[in-house]
N, C-alpha and C. Protein backbone atom coordinates (compact mmCIF):
# COMPACT_ATOMS: atom_id res chain seq x y z
N UNK A 1 -8.16 -41.28 -29.83
CA UNK A 1 -8.32 -41.87 -28.38
C UNK A 1 -9.21 -43.00 -28.08
N UNK A 2 -8.89 -43.88 -27.40
CA UNK A 2 -9.56 -45.28 -27.05
C UNK A 2 -10.58 -44.78 -26.28
N UNK A 3 -11.85 -45.70 -26.45
CA UNK A 3 -13.02 -45.19 -25.84
C UNK A 3 -12.76 -45.28 -24.17
N UNK A 4 -12.05 -46.42 -23.52
CA UNK A 4 -11.79 -46.08 -22.40
C UNK A 4 -11.06 -44.68 -21.96
N UNK A 5 -10.19 -44.38 -22.49
CA UNK A 5 -9.62 -43.24 -22.13
C UNK A 5 -10.37 -41.95 -22.19
N UNK A 6 -11.32 -42.00 -23.41
CA UNK A 6 -12.40 -40.88 -23.48
C UNK A 6 -13.44 -40.86 -22.38
N UNK A 7 -13.59 -42.09 -21.81
CA UNK A 7 -14.83 -42.07 -20.72
C UNK A 7 -13.90 -41.65 -19.53
N UNK A 8 -12.55 -41.85 -19.09
CA UNK A 8 -12.01 -41.47 -18.05
C UNK A 8 -11.82 -40.05 -18.28
N UNK A 9 -11.75 -39.35 -19.33
CA UNK A 9 -11.65 -38.02 -19.51
C UNK A 9 -12.78 -37.25 -19.07
N UNK A 10 -14.03 -37.94 -19.47
CA UNK A 10 -15.44 -37.56 -19.32
C UNK A 10 -15.62 -37.24 -17.90
N UNK A 11 -15.29 -38.65 -17.25
CA UNK A 11 -15.56 -38.52 -15.84
C UNK A 11 -14.60 -37.46 -14.93
N UNK A 12 -13.36 -37.25 -15.46
CA UNK A 12 -12.38 -36.31 -14.45
C UNK A 12 -13.17 -34.81 -14.89
N UNK A 13 -13.57 -34.76 -16.22
CA UNK A 13 -14.21 -33.42 -16.50
C UNK A 13 -15.48 -32.93 -15.69
N UNK A 14 -16.27 -34.21 -15.45
CA UNK A 14 -17.61 -34.10 -14.74
C UNK A 14 -17.09 -33.65 -13.14
N UNK A 15 -16.13 -34.21 -12.58
CA UNK A 15 -15.77 -34.06 -11.39
C UNK A 15 -15.19 -32.68 -11.01
N UNK A 16 -14.37 -32.09 -12.00
CA UNK A 16 -14.00 -30.90 -12.17
C UNK A 16 -15.12 -29.76 -11.93
N UNK A 17 -16.14 -30.02 -13.02
CA UNK A 17 -17.30 -29.20 -12.94
C UNK A 17 -18.10 -29.10 -11.59
N UNK A 18 -18.07 -30.47 -11.07
CA UNK A 18 -18.73 -30.51 -9.84
C UNK A 18 -18.11 -29.87 -8.67
N UNK A 19 -16.86 -29.93 -8.54
CA UNK A 19 -15.93 -29.38 -7.76
C UNK A 19 -16.00 -27.77 -7.64
N UNK A 20 -15.91 -27.40 -9.09
CA UNK A 20 -16.21 -25.79 -9.30
C UNK A 20 -17.51 -25.20 -8.79
N UNK A 21 -18.70 -25.87 -8.91
CA UNK A 21 -19.94 -25.65 -8.57
C UNK A 21 -20.00 -25.59 -7.12
N UNK A 22 -19.27 -26.63 -6.26
CA UNK A 22 -19.30 -26.78 -5.01
C UNK A 22 -18.60 -25.56 -4.33
N UNK A 23 -17.58 -25.11 -4.77
CA UNK A 23 -16.69 -23.84 -4.47
C UNK A 23 -17.53 -22.66 -4.70
N UNK A 24 -18.20 -22.52 -5.76
CA UNK A 24 -19.06 -21.38 -5.95
C UNK A 24 -20.05 -21.22 -4.90
N UNK A 25 -20.80 -22.37 -4.60
CA UNK A 25 -21.93 -22.39 -3.50
C UNK A 25 -21.58 -22.12 -2.18
N UNK A 26 -20.12 -22.17 -1.81
CA UNK A 26 -19.83 -22.16 -0.58
C UNK A 26 -19.79 -20.65 -0.17
N UNK A 27 -19.78 -19.78 -1.09
CA UNK A 27 -19.48 -18.24 -0.74
C UNK A 27 -20.74 -17.64 -0.06
N UNK A 28 -20.73 -16.45 0.03
CA UNK A 28 -21.92 -15.82 0.66
C UNK A 28 -23.15 -16.22 -0.04
N UNK A 29 -24.43 -15.95 0.61
CA UNK A 29 -25.44 -16.04 -0.09
C UNK A 29 -25.59 -15.08 -1.28
N UNK A 30 -26.29 -15.71 -2.34
CA UNK A 30 -26.50 -14.96 -3.66
C UNK A 30 -27.56 -13.79 -3.52
N UNK A 31 -27.22 -12.67 -3.72
CA UNK A 31 -28.31 -11.88 -3.91
C UNK A 31 -29.51 -12.06 -4.69
N UNK A 32 -30.56 -11.92 -4.18
CA UNK A 32 -31.94 -11.98 -4.72
C UNK A 32 -32.32 -10.59 -5.24
N UNK A 33 -32.76 -10.44 -6.34
CA UNK A 33 -33.08 -9.03 -7.08
C UNK A 33 -31.89 -8.24 -7.03
N UNK A 34 -32.06 -6.94 -7.45
CA UNK A 34 -30.97 -6.14 -7.56
C UNK A 34 -31.33 -4.83 -6.63
N UNK A 35 -30.49 -4.14 -6.26
CA UNK A 35 -30.47 -3.09 -5.67
C UNK A 35 -29.29 -1.79 -5.95
N UNK A 36 -29.69 -0.93 -6.81
CA UNK A 36 -28.70 0.26 -6.98
C UNK A 36 -28.87 1.53 -6.05
N UNK A 37 -27.64 2.03 -5.60
CA UNK A 37 -27.75 2.75 -4.47
C UNK A 37 -27.01 4.13 -5.01
N UNK A 38 -27.79 5.34 -5.01
CA UNK A 38 -27.18 6.43 -5.23
C UNK A 38 -27.48 7.29 -4.05
N UNK A 39 -26.16 8.46 -3.71
CA UNK A 39 -26.29 9.24 -2.51
C UNK A 39 -26.02 10.46 -2.95
N UNK A 40 -26.86 11.46 -2.32
CA UNK A 40 -26.82 12.85 -2.42
C UNK A 40 -26.60 13.45 -1.01
N UNK A 41 -25.64 14.25 -0.77
CA UNK A 41 -25.38 15.09 0.28
C UNK A 41 -26.03 16.34 0.55
N UNK A 42 -26.90 16.43 1.46
CA UNK A 42 -27.87 18.02 1.56
C UNK A 42 -27.16 18.72 2.57
N UNK A 43 -26.02 19.45 2.31
CA UNK A 43 -25.19 20.06 3.36
C UNK A 43 -26.22 21.18 4.23
N UNK A 44 -27.07 21.79 3.47
CA UNK A 44 -27.89 22.67 4.25
C UNK A 44 -28.78 22.05 5.46
N UNK A 45 -29.14 21.05 5.19
CA UNK A 45 -29.86 20.42 6.24
C UNK A 45 -29.12 19.36 7.07
N UNK A 46 -27.80 19.03 6.72
CA UNK A 46 -26.91 18.27 7.23
C UNK A 46 -27.43 16.92 7.27
N UNK A 47 -27.78 16.33 6.02
CA UNK A 47 -28.37 15.21 5.85
C UNK A 47 -27.83 14.48 4.55
N UNK A 48 -27.93 13.30 4.36
CA UNK A 48 -27.62 12.27 3.50
C UNK A 48 -28.79 11.56 2.65
N UNK A 49 -29.14 11.78 1.60
CA UNK A 49 -30.13 11.23 0.82
C UNK A 49 -29.76 9.99 0.21
N UNK A 50 -30.35 8.85 0.59
CA UNK A 50 -29.99 7.53 -0.09
C UNK A 50 -31.09 7.08 -1.15
N UNK A 51 -30.77 6.86 -2.41
CA UNK A 51 -31.83 6.41 -3.31
C UNK A 51 -31.61 4.94 -3.47
N UNK A 52 -32.52 3.93 -2.98
CA UNK A 52 -32.16 2.53 -3.27
C UNK A 52 -33.16 2.08 -4.51
N UNK A 53 -32.75 1.99 -5.76
CA UNK A 53 -33.49 1.57 -6.71
C UNK A 53 -33.24 0.20 -6.85
N UNK A 54 -34.66 -0.83 -6.66
CA UNK A 54 -34.50 -2.01 -6.72
C UNK A 54 -35.50 -2.71 -7.68
N UNK A 55 -34.95 -4.02 -8.05
CA UNK A 55 -35.79 -4.74 -9.10
C UNK A 55 -36.02 -6.09 -8.55
N UNK A 56 -37.06 -6.55 -8.42
CA UNK A 56 -37.41 -7.99 -7.77
C UNK A 56 -36.83 -9.24 -8.82
N UNK A 57 -36.50 -10.34 -8.26
CA UNK A 57 -36.30 -11.59 -9.04
C UNK A 57 -37.49 -12.22 -9.36
N UNK A 58 -37.20 -13.38 -10.02
CA UNK A 58 -38.45 -14.51 -10.55
C UNK A 58 -39.33 -14.60 -9.35
N UNK A 59 -39.19 -14.65 -8.04
CA UNK A 59 -39.95 -14.90 -7.11
C UNK A 59 -40.60 -13.67 -6.38
N UNK A 60 -40.51 -12.59 -6.95
CA UNK A 60 -41.02 -11.16 -6.55
C UNK A 60 -40.27 -10.61 -5.38
N UNK A 61 -38.97 -11.13 -5.15
CA UNK A 61 -38.39 -10.39 -3.77
C UNK A 61 -37.13 -9.83 -4.10
N UNK A 62 -36.69 -9.23 -3.12
CA UNK A 62 -35.05 -8.52 -3.22
C UNK A 62 -34.71 -8.72 -1.81
N UNK A 63 -33.63 -9.29 -1.77
CA UNK A 63 -32.74 -9.26 -0.25
C UNK A 63 -31.20 -9.75 -0.74
N UNK A 64 -30.52 -9.77 0.37
CA UNK A 64 -29.15 -10.08 0.32
C UNK A 64 -28.19 -9.05 -0.45
N UNK A 65 -28.57 -7.96 -0.38
CA UNK A 65 -27.99 -6.70 -0.89
C UNK A 65 -27.60 -5.74 0.05
N UNK A 66 -26.70 -6.13 1.28
CA UNK A 66 -26.26 -5.21 2.31
C UNK A 66 -25.81 -3.89 1.73
N UNK A 67 -26.29 -3.02 2.72
CA UNK A 67 -25.60 -1.58 2.26
C UNK A 67 -25.06 -0.93 3.61
N UNK A 68 -23.97 0.18 3.54
CA UNK A 68 -23.65 0.71 4.70
C UNK A 68 -24.00 2.08 4.57
N UNK A 69 -24.55 2.64 5.46
CA UNK A 69 -25.17 4.00 5.42
C UNK A 69 -24.18 4.79 6.38
N UNK A 70 -24.38 6.20 6.49
CA UNK A 70 -23.82 7.09 7.34
C UNK A 70 -24.30 6.90 8.70
N UNK A 71 -23.46 7.36 9.77
CA UNK A 71 -23.96 7.25 10.97
C UNK A 71 -24.98 8.46 11.11
N UNK A 72 -26.04 8.37 11.93
CA UNK A 72 -27.10 9.35 11.81
C UNK A 72 -28.35 9.09 12.28
N UNK A 73 -29.49 9.89 12.14
CA UNK A 73 -30.83 9.63 12.54
C UNK A 73 -31.73 9.58 11.21
N UNK A 74 -32.35 8.42 11.13
CA UNK A 74 -33.33 8.38 10.02
C UNK A 74 -34.67 9.25 10.23
N UNK A 75 -34.73 10.47 9.39
CA UNK A 75 -35.92 11.43 9.68
C UNK A 75 -36.96 11.26 8.83
N UNK A 76 -36.49 10.64 7.51
CA UNK A 76 -37.67 10.62 6.53
C UNK A 76 -37.62 9.63 5.45
N UNK A 77 -38.55 8.92 4.79
CA UNK A 77 -38.43 7.98 3.76
C UNK A 77 -39.44 8.16 3.13
N UNK A 78 -39.20 7.66 1.77
CA UNK A 78 -40.51 7.49 0.67
C UNK A 78 -40.25 6.15 -0.04
N UNK A 79 -41.32 5.55 -0.39
CA UNK A 79 -41.45 4.56 -1.35
C UNK A 79 -42.06 4.94 -2.52
N UNK A 80 -41.51 4.77 -3.78
CA UNK A 80 -41.93 5.21 -4.84
C UNK A 80 -41.94 3.85 -5.93
N UNK A 81 -43.15 3.34 -6.24
CA UNK A 81 -43.27 2.25 -7.29
C UNK A 81 -42.95 2.70 -8.50
N UNK A 82 -42.40 1.86 -9.39
CA UNK A 82 -42.21 1.96 -10.86
C UNK A 82 -43.80 2.40 -11.46
N UNK A 83 -43.88 2.79 -12.55
CA UNK A 83 -45.01 2.85 -13.35
C UNK A 83 -45.06 1.66 -14.38
N UNK A 84 -46.26 1.69 -14.84
CA UNK A 84 -46.36 0.96 -16.09
C UNK A 84 -46.23 -0.35 -15.84
N UNK A 85 -45.75 -1.34 -16.71
CA UNK A 85 -45.44 -2.65 -16.70
C UNK A 85 -44.74 -3.29 -15.61
N UNK A 86 -43.78 -2.17 -14.98
CA UNK A 86 -42.72 -2.60 -14.06
C UNK A 86 -43.35 -2.13 -12.64
N UNK A 87 -44.64 -1.90 -12.48
CA UNK A 87 -45.08 -1.42 -11.15
C UNK A 87 -45.26 -2.70 -10.36
N UNK A 88 -45.00 -2.71 -8.98
CA UNK A 88 -45.14 -3.80 -8.19
C UNK A 88 -46.55 -4.22 -7.90
N UNK A 89 -46.81 -5.15 -7.51
CA UNK A 89 -47.97 -5.67 -7.14
C UNK A 89 -48.60 -4.98 -5.95
N UNK A 90 -49.77 -4.82 -6.09
CA UNK A 90 -50.44 -4.03 -4.93
C UNK A 90 -50.18 -4.77 -3.63
N UNK A 91 -50.05 -4.06 -2.36
CA UNK A 91 -49.63 -4.38 -1.38
C UNK A 91 -48.22 -5.16 -0.80
N UNK A 92 -47.34 -4.91 -1.72
CA UNK A 92 -46.11 -5.29 -1.50
C UNK A 92 -45.53 -4.80 -0.43
N UNK A 93 -44.40 -5.34 0.21
CA UNK A 93 -43.78 -4.84 1.44
C UNK A 93 -42.19 -4.74 1.33
N UNK A 94 -41.86 -3.57 2.00
CA UNK A 94 -40.39 -3.36 2.27
C UNK A 94 -39.84 -2.99 3.57
N UNK A 95 -39.00 -3.82 3.89
CA UNK A 95 -38.17 -3.74 5.24
C UNK A 95 -36.62 -3.12 4.94
N UNK A 96 -36.04 -2.76 6.09
CA UNK A 96 -34.79 -2.37 5.88
C UNK A 96 -34.23 -2.96 7.17
N UNK A 97 -33.47 -4.37 7.10
CA UNK A 97 -32.93 -4.88 8.47
C UNK A 97 -31.75 -4.79 8.55
N UNK A 98 -31.21 -4.85 9.99
CA UNK A 98 -30.04 -5.31 10.29
C UNK A 98 -29.77 -6.59 10.39
N UNK A 99 -28.56 -7.03 10.95
CA UNK A 99 -28.02 -8.54 11.10
C UNK A 99 -28.91 -9.15 12.17
N UNK A 100 -29.76 -8.60 12.97
CA UNK A 100 -30.48 -8.97 13.95
C UNK A 100 -32.02 -9.10 13.59
N UNK A 101 -32.28 -8.50 12.41
CA UNK A 101 -33.71 -8.60 11.62
C UNK A 101 -34.37 -7.46 12.31
N UNK A 102 -33.86 -6.58 12.87
CA UNK A 102 -34.70 -5.35 13.42
C UNK A 102 -35.04 -4.38 12.09
N UNK A 103 -36.18 -4.09 11.89
CA UNK A 103 -36.75 -3.33 10.61
C UNK A 103 -36.25 -1.80 10.90
N UNK A 104 -35.58 -1.43 10.54
CA UNK A 104 -35.25 0.14 10.61
C UNK A 104 -36.39 1.19 9.96
N UNK A 105 -37.37 0.38 9.21
CA UNK A 105 -38.45 1.61 8.76
C UNK A 105 -39.55 1.43 9.79
N UNK A 106 -39.60 0.58 10.94
CA UNK A 106 -40.44 0.55 11.73
C UNK A 106 -41.78 0.10 11.12
N UNK A 107 -41.91 -0.95 10.23
CA UNK A 107 -43.04 -1.46 9.80
C UNK A 107 -44.02 -0.58 8.72
N UNK A 108 -43.28 0.83 8.42
CA UNK A 108 -43.85 1.73 7.75
C UNK A 108 -43.86 1.32 5.96
N UNK A 109 -43.23 0.34 5.71
CA UNK A 109 -42.98 -0.41 4.64
C UNK A 109 -44.04 -1.35 4.02
N UNK A 110 -45.05 -1.49 4.86
CA UNK A 110 -45.77 -2.84 4.88
C UNK A 110 -47.33 -2.48 3.99
N UNK A 111 -47.46 -3.38 3.03
CA UNK A 111 -48.75 -3.20 2.31
C UNK A 111 -48.81 -1.80 1.52
N UNK A 112 -47.69 -1.67 0.75
CA UNK A 112 -47.64 -0.30 -0.27
C UNK A 112 -48.63 -0.49 -1.31
N UNK A 113 -48.74 0.89 -1.70
CA UNK A 113 -49.60 0.90 -2.95
C UNK A 113 -48.47 0.60 -4.12
N UNK A 114 -49.27 0.16 -5.35
CA UNK A 114 -48.66 -0.30 -6.56
C UNK A 114 -48.58 0.98 -7.50
N UNK A 115 -49.34 2.01 -7.03
CA UNK A 115 -49.52 3.14 -7.92
C UNK A 115 -49.17 4.50 -7.28
N UNK A 116 -49.29 4.55 -5.92
CA UNK A 116 -49.08 5.87 -5.32
C UNK A 116 -48.15 5.83 -4.53
N UNK A 117 -46.96 6.78 -4.55
CA UNK A 117 -45.89 7.00 -3.55
C UNK A 117 -46.18 7.32 -2.30
N UNK A 118 -45.60 6.82 -1.24
CA UNK A 118 -45.90 7.10 0.00
C UNK A 118 -44.58 7.66 0.70
N UNK A 119 -44.84 8.90 1.69
CA UNK A 119 -43.81 9.47 2.07
C UNK A 119 -44.14 9.72 3.59
N UNK A 120 -43.08 9.08 4.34
CA UNK A 120 -43.22 9.10 5.81
C UNK A 120 -42.34 10.08 6.50
N UNK A 121 -42.68 10.84 7.54
CA UNK A 121 -41.75 11.70 8.35
C UNK A 121 -41.51 10.91 9.56
N UNK A 122 -40.44 10.55 10.06
CA UNK A 122 -40.24 9.83 11.16
C UNK A 122 -40.40 10.92 12.55
N UNK A 123 -41.48 10.46 13.26
CA UNK A 123 -41.78 11.35 14.56
C UNK A 123 -40.59 11.28 15.33
N UNK A 124 -40.17 10.08 15.75
CA UNK A 124 -38.81 10.06 16.72
C UNK A 124 -37.91 9.29 16.02
N UNK A 125 -36.98 10.07 15.38
CA UNK A 125 -35.91 9.53 14.62
C UNK A 125 -35.10 8.41 15.07
N UNK A 126 -35.25 7.33 14.17
CA UNK A 126 -34.38 6.00 14.47
C UNK A 126 -32.85 6.47 14.38
N UNK A 127 -32.04 5.94 15.40
CA UNK A 127 -30.69 6.39 15.30
C UNK A 127 -29.95 4.96 14.48
N UNK A 128 -29.02 5.12 13.55
CA UNK A 128 -28.47 4.14 13.03
C UNK A 128 -27.00 4.53 13.30
N UNK A 129 -26.21 3.44 14.04
CA UNK A 129 -25.04 3.55 14.51
C UNK A 129 -23.81 3.27 13.42
N UNK A 130 -24.11 2.83 12.53
CA UNK A 130 -23.44 2.36 11.21
C UNK A 130 -22.34 1.47 11.67
N UNK A 131 -22.54 0.76 12.78
CA UNK A 131 -21.49 -0.52 13.08
C UNK A 131 -22.10 -1.68 12.18
N UNK A 132 -22.78 -1.73 11.48
CA UNK A 132 -23.29 -2.88 10.70
C UNK A 132 -23.81 -2.51 9.43
N UNK A 133 -24.40 -3.47 8.51
CA UNK A 133 -24.93 -3.19 7.51
C UNK A 133 -26.57 -3.34 7.29
N UNK A 134 -27.19 -2.70 6.46
CA UNK A 134 -28.51 -2.67 6.33
C UNK A 134 -29.13 -3.50 5.04
N UNK A 135 -30.03 -4.39 5.28
CA UNK A 135 -30.53 -4.96 3.99
C UNK A 135 -31.77 -4.66 3.70
N UNK A 136 -32.02 -4.12 2.15
CA UNK A 136 -33.22 -3.68 2.06
C UNK A 136 -34.01 -4.99 1.37
N UNK A 137 -35.18 -5.35 2.05
CA UNK A 137 -35.75 -6.60 1.81
C UNK A 137 -37.27 -6.39 1.21
N UNK A 138 -37.54 -6.86 0.05
CA UNK A 138 -38.97 -6.56 -0.70
C UNK A 138 -39.34 -7.96 -0.83
N UNK A 139 -40.75 -8.01 -0.52
CA UNK A 139 -41.60 -9.27 -0.73
C UNK A 139 -42.85 -8.99 -1.51
N UNK A 140 -43.21 -9.89 -2.06
CA UNK A 140 -44.68 -9.75 -2.76
C UNK A 140 -44.50 -8.83 -3.79
N UNK A 141 -43.60 -8.54 -4.59
CA UNK A 141 -43.74 -7.43 -5.53
C UNK A 141 -44.19 -7.92 -6.79
N UNK A 142 -43.90 -9.14 -7.22
CA UNK A 142 -44.08 -9.72 -8.62
C UNK A 142 -42.92 -9.82 -9.12
N UNK A 143 -43.08 -10.42 -10.61
CA UNK A 143 -41.82 -10.74 -11.03
C UNK A 143 -41.18 -9.58 -11.87
N UNK A 144 -39.92 -9.56 -11.52
CA UNK A 144 -39.30 -8.36 -12.48
C UNK A 144 -39.93 -6.87 -12.28
N UNK A 145 -40.29 -7.03 -11.07
CA UNK A 145 -40.99 -5.42 -10.79
C UNK A 145 -40.08 -4.51 -10.08
N UNK A 146 -40.21 -3.33 -9.94
CA UNK A 146 -39.24 -2.31 -9.41
C UNK A 146 -39.96 -1.10 -8.58
N UNK A 147 -39.05 -0.26 -7.96
CA UNK A 147 -39.41 0.83 -7.24
C UNK A 147 -37.95 1.56 -6.72
N UNK A 148 -38.31 2.57 -5.87
CA UNK A 148 -37.22 3.21 -5.49
C UNK A 148 -37.76 3.44 -3.75
N UNK A 149 -36.73 3.26 -3.00
CA UNK A 149 -36.70 3.62 -1.34
C UNK A 149 -35.87 4.76 -1.11
N UNK A 150 -36.34 6.01 -0.72
CA UNK A 150 -35.33 6.98 -0.40
C UNK A 150 -35.40 7.21 0.97
N UNK A 151 -34.12 7.35 1.71
CA UNK A 151 -33.96 7.34 3.00
C UNK A 151 -33.21 8.73 3.13
N UNK A 152 -33.66 9.75 4.07
CA UNK A 152 -32.92 10.73 4.51
C UNK A 152 -32.38 10.48 6.05
N UNK A 153 -31.03 10.65 5.90
CA UNK A 153 -30.27 10.48 7.34
C UNK A 153 -29.68 11.62 7.75
N UNK A 154 -30.12 12.08 8.90
CA UNK A 154 -29.52 13.43 9.33
C UNK A 154 -28.19 13.28 9.79
N UNK A 155 -27.19 13.66 9.55
CA UNK A 155 -25.98 13.43 9.98
C UNK A 155 -25.54 13.97 11.30
N UNK A 156 -25.11 13.07 12.25
CA UNK A 156 -24.67 13.62 13.68
C UNK A 156 -23.33 14.13 13.41
N UNK A 157 -23.40 15.31 14.09
CA UNK A 157 -21.95 15.89 14.27
C UNK A 157 -21.60 16.49 15.87
């Protein structure tokens, strides 16, 4: 293949790669960190327990992992940091926000301990109407650190 033809081929290939990257970046924002959700139905108390296990990214954060939960009242939550080398940095923060930025945890996830779990019984249950998604947001956790947030939502019947 002549040099001029190879040069044109490389330019076309470079443009194709640029176009592909541009299409990839137009999609929804990429998730930061990871969240794995497990659900347990607690029929004896008409509730659903959600366990949201999270791992932070290189910036120590988690976000853009929207979840849809059942209609009901948030009655209890627990923050459980990982142990050992994956324990989050002391005073890390957790929020559970809707599309309007409202924190459904009511700031109870601020300045959490890196070693001690925290359980909160919500005095005036927050009603979640299930019309949108909620995003677990973790900040200041450190690189590749983890924990679990457990939510108990009493099902409205």
